[in-house]
Amino acid sequence: NYYMSGEIPSEITNCSLLEVLDLSYNLFQGRIPGFLGRLQRLRHPSLELLQPGDSSSLANCSSLKVIDLSRNQLGDRIPESLGSSMRRLDLSYNELSGKVPPGIGNLSKLTRLDLSSNHLSGVIPSELGRCSSITLLDLS
């Protein structure tokens, strides 16, 4: 459905049982909607080709297991805290800057972390060593 377009409607929050939201490979416009943080059962949002925006609203989704916000134009920083049940985090191919937050080390169930193709700086936080289940770590 590469040709779906427009903004993501706020009415989607009426789907209170929504667990998986995959809107990738479309032509949606606008920023990552802050209202997605109200979807408390959301565990796998996959959004692609959105404009720069604030991804921190997704940190409010306590059930998140997978975040795929790759190939957007996110220009903010990686949120300091994310749901503790997170298993996969893909923020590759964005415009993220700053340091990798030490809080990522609190994601003990994390198996895949892809932060490649951004503008990150600093050191790899030692707290990342607490992610003992990680099988893919891409900081290229």
Protein backbone atom coordinates (compact mmCIF):
# COMPACT_ATOMS: atom_id res chain seq x y z
CA ASN A 1 0.00 0.00 0.00
CA TYR A 2 2.79 2.38 -0.84
CA TYR A 3 0.32 5.04 -1.97
CA MET A 4 -1.67 5.53 1.25
CA SER A 5 -1.15 9.11 2.38
CA GLY A 6 -2.31 11.89 4.65
CA GLU A 7 -1.86 12.17 8.39
CA ILE A 8 -2.36 9.36 10.85
CA PRO A 9 -5.83 10.05 12.34
CA SER A 10 -6.08 10.62 16.09
CA GLU A 11 -9.23 8.49 16.11
CA ILE A 12 -6.98 5.44 15.95
CA THR A 13 -6.71 5.78 19.74
CA ASN A 14 -10.33 4.57 19.88
CA CYS A 15 -8.87 1.14 19.07
CA SER A 16 -7.94 0.65 22.71
CA LEU A 17 -7.01 -3.04 22.26
CA LEU A 18 -4.55 -2.30 19.44
CA GLU A 19 -1.28 -4.18 19.96
CA VAL A 20 0.41 -4.03 16.53
CA LEU A 21 0.40 -0.95 14.30
CA ASP A 22 2.34 -1.26 11.04
CA LEU A 23 2.08 1.80 8.80
CA SER A 24 5.43 1.38 7.10
CA TYR A 25 6.04 1.79 3.37
CA ASN A 26 3.34 4.38 2.84
CA LEU A 27 3.32 8.10 2.19
CA PHE A 28 1.90 9.33 5.48
CA GLN A 29 2.72 12.91 6.34
CA GLY A 30 3.37 14.68 9.56
CA ARG A 31 5.17 13.85 12.76
CA ILE A 32 5.00 10.78 14.95
CA PRO A 33 1.67 11.42 16.62
CA GLY A 34 1.85 12.09 20.35
CA PHE A 35 -1.53 10.44 20.79
CA LEU A 36 0.03 7.02 20.13
CA GLY A 37 1.25 7.19 23.72
CA ARG A 38 -2.36 6.74 24.82
CA LEU A 39 -2.50 3.25 23.28
CA GLN A 40 -1.50 1.40 26.45
CA ARG A 41 -1.60 -2.07 24.84
CA LEU A 42 0.48 -1.08 21.83
CA ARG A 43 3.50 -3.36 21.71
CA HIS A 44 4.72 -3.09 18.11
CA PRO A 45 4.47 0.21 16.25
CA SER A 46 6.16 0.29 12.86
CA LEU A 47 6.09 3.72 11.26
CA GLU A 48 8.16 4.81 8.31
CA LEU A 49 8.64 7.84 6.11
CA LEU A 50 7.34 10.39 8.59
CA GLN A 51 8.71 13.88 9.07
CA PRO A 52 10.99 14.91 11.92
CA GLY A 53 9.22 14.71 15.22
CA ASP A 54 9.37 13.69 18.83
CA SER A 55 9.46 9.94 19.40
CA SER A 56 9.27 10.24 23.20
CA SER A 57 5.47 9.84 23.24
CA LEU A 58 5.94 6.14 22.52
CA ALA A 59 7.75 5.78 25.84
CA ASN A 60 4.29 6.09 27.45
CA CYS A 61 3.18 2.78 25.91
CA SER A 62 3.94 0.43 28.80
CA SER A 63 3.42 -2.76 26.75
CA LEU A 64 5.94 -1.95 24.02
CA LYS A 65 7.96 -4.95 22.89
CA VAL A 66 9.11 -3.70 19.48
CA ILE A 67 9.70 -0.17 18.20
CA ASP A 68 10.57 0.20 14.53
CA LEU A 69 10.95 3.86 13.65
CA SER A 70 13.65 3.25 11.07
CA ARG A 71 13.91 5.32 7.91
CA ASN A 72 12.19 8.40 9.24
CA GLN A 73 13.67 11.82 9.73
CA LEU A 74 13.65 11.77 13.52
CA GLY A 75 15.90 14.57 14.65
CA ASP A 76 15.49 14.42 18.39
CA ARG A 77 17.38 12.35 20.93
CA ILE A 78 16.76 8.76 21.94
CA PRO A 79 14.27 8.76 24.84
CA GLU A 80 15.87 8.22 28.25
CA SER A 81 13.32 5.63 29.30
CA LEU A 82 11.42 3.03 27.33
CA GLY A 83 9.13 0.18 28.38
CA SER A 84 10.99 -2.46 30.34
CA SER A 85 9.46 -5.25 28.23
CA MET A 86 11.18 -3.94 25.06
CA ARG A 87 12.69 -6.70 22.92
CA ARG A 88 13.60 -4.89 19.68
CA LEU A 89 14.46 -1.24 19.10
CA ASP A 90 15.18 -0.05 15.57
CA LEU A 91 15.87 3.66 15.16
CA SER A 92 18.22 3.26 12.19
CA TYR A 93 18.42 5.69 9.26
CA ASN A 94 17.23 8.79 11.09
CA GLU A 95 18.78 12.10 12.13
CA LEU A 96 19.14 11.27 15.83
CA SER A 97 21.94 13.04 17.68
CA GLY A 98 23.47 13.06 21.12
CA LYS A 99 24.59 10.11 23.18
CA VAL A 100 23.17 6.63 23.52
CA PRO A 101 21.29 6.96 26.83
CA PRO A 102 22.52 4.72 29.67
CA GLY A 103 18.86 3.85 30.36
CA ILE A 104 18.94 1.46 27.43
CA GLY A 105 20.81 -0.85 29.82
CA ASN A 106 17.56 -1.21 31.77
CA LEU A 107 15.99 -3.06 28.83
CA SER A 108 16.98 -6.49 30.13
CA LYS A 109 14.84 -8.33 27.55
CA LEU A 110 16.33 -6.47 24.58
CA THR A 111 17.50 -8.82 21.81
CA ARG A 112 18.05 -6.38 18.93
CA LEU A 113 19.26 -2.78 19.01
CA ASP A 114 19.83 -0.98 15.71
CA LEU A 115 20.90 2.66 15.96
CA SER A 116 22.87 2.68 12.70
CA SER A 117 23.01 5.58 10.23
CA ASN A 118 22.33 8.42 12.67
CA HIS A 119 24.45 11.25 14.10
CA LEU A 120 25.12 9.78 17.53
CA SER A 121 28.27 10.66 19.48
CA GLY A 122 30.04 9.81 22.68
CA VAL A 123 30.88 6.42 24.11
CA ILE A 124 28.97 3.16 24.20
CA PRO A 125 27.39 3.20 27.67
CA SER A 126 28.69 0.42 29.93
CA GLU A 127 25.10 -0.15 31.09
CA LEU A 128 24.48 -1.77 27.70
CA GLY A 129 26.29 -4.78 29.16
CA ARG A 130 23.19 -5.49 31.26
CA CYS A 131 21.35 -6.44 28.06
CA SER A 132 22.52 -10.04 28.27
CA SER A 133 19.95 -11.32 25.74
CA ILE A 134 21.08 -9.05 22.92
CA THR A 135 21.86 -10.85 19.65
CA LEU A 136 22.18 -7.85 17.32
CA LEU A 137 23.84 -4.55 18.16
CA ASP A 138 24.34 -2.18 15.22
CA LEU A 139 25.91 1.19 15.97
CA SER A 140 27.44 1.68 12.52
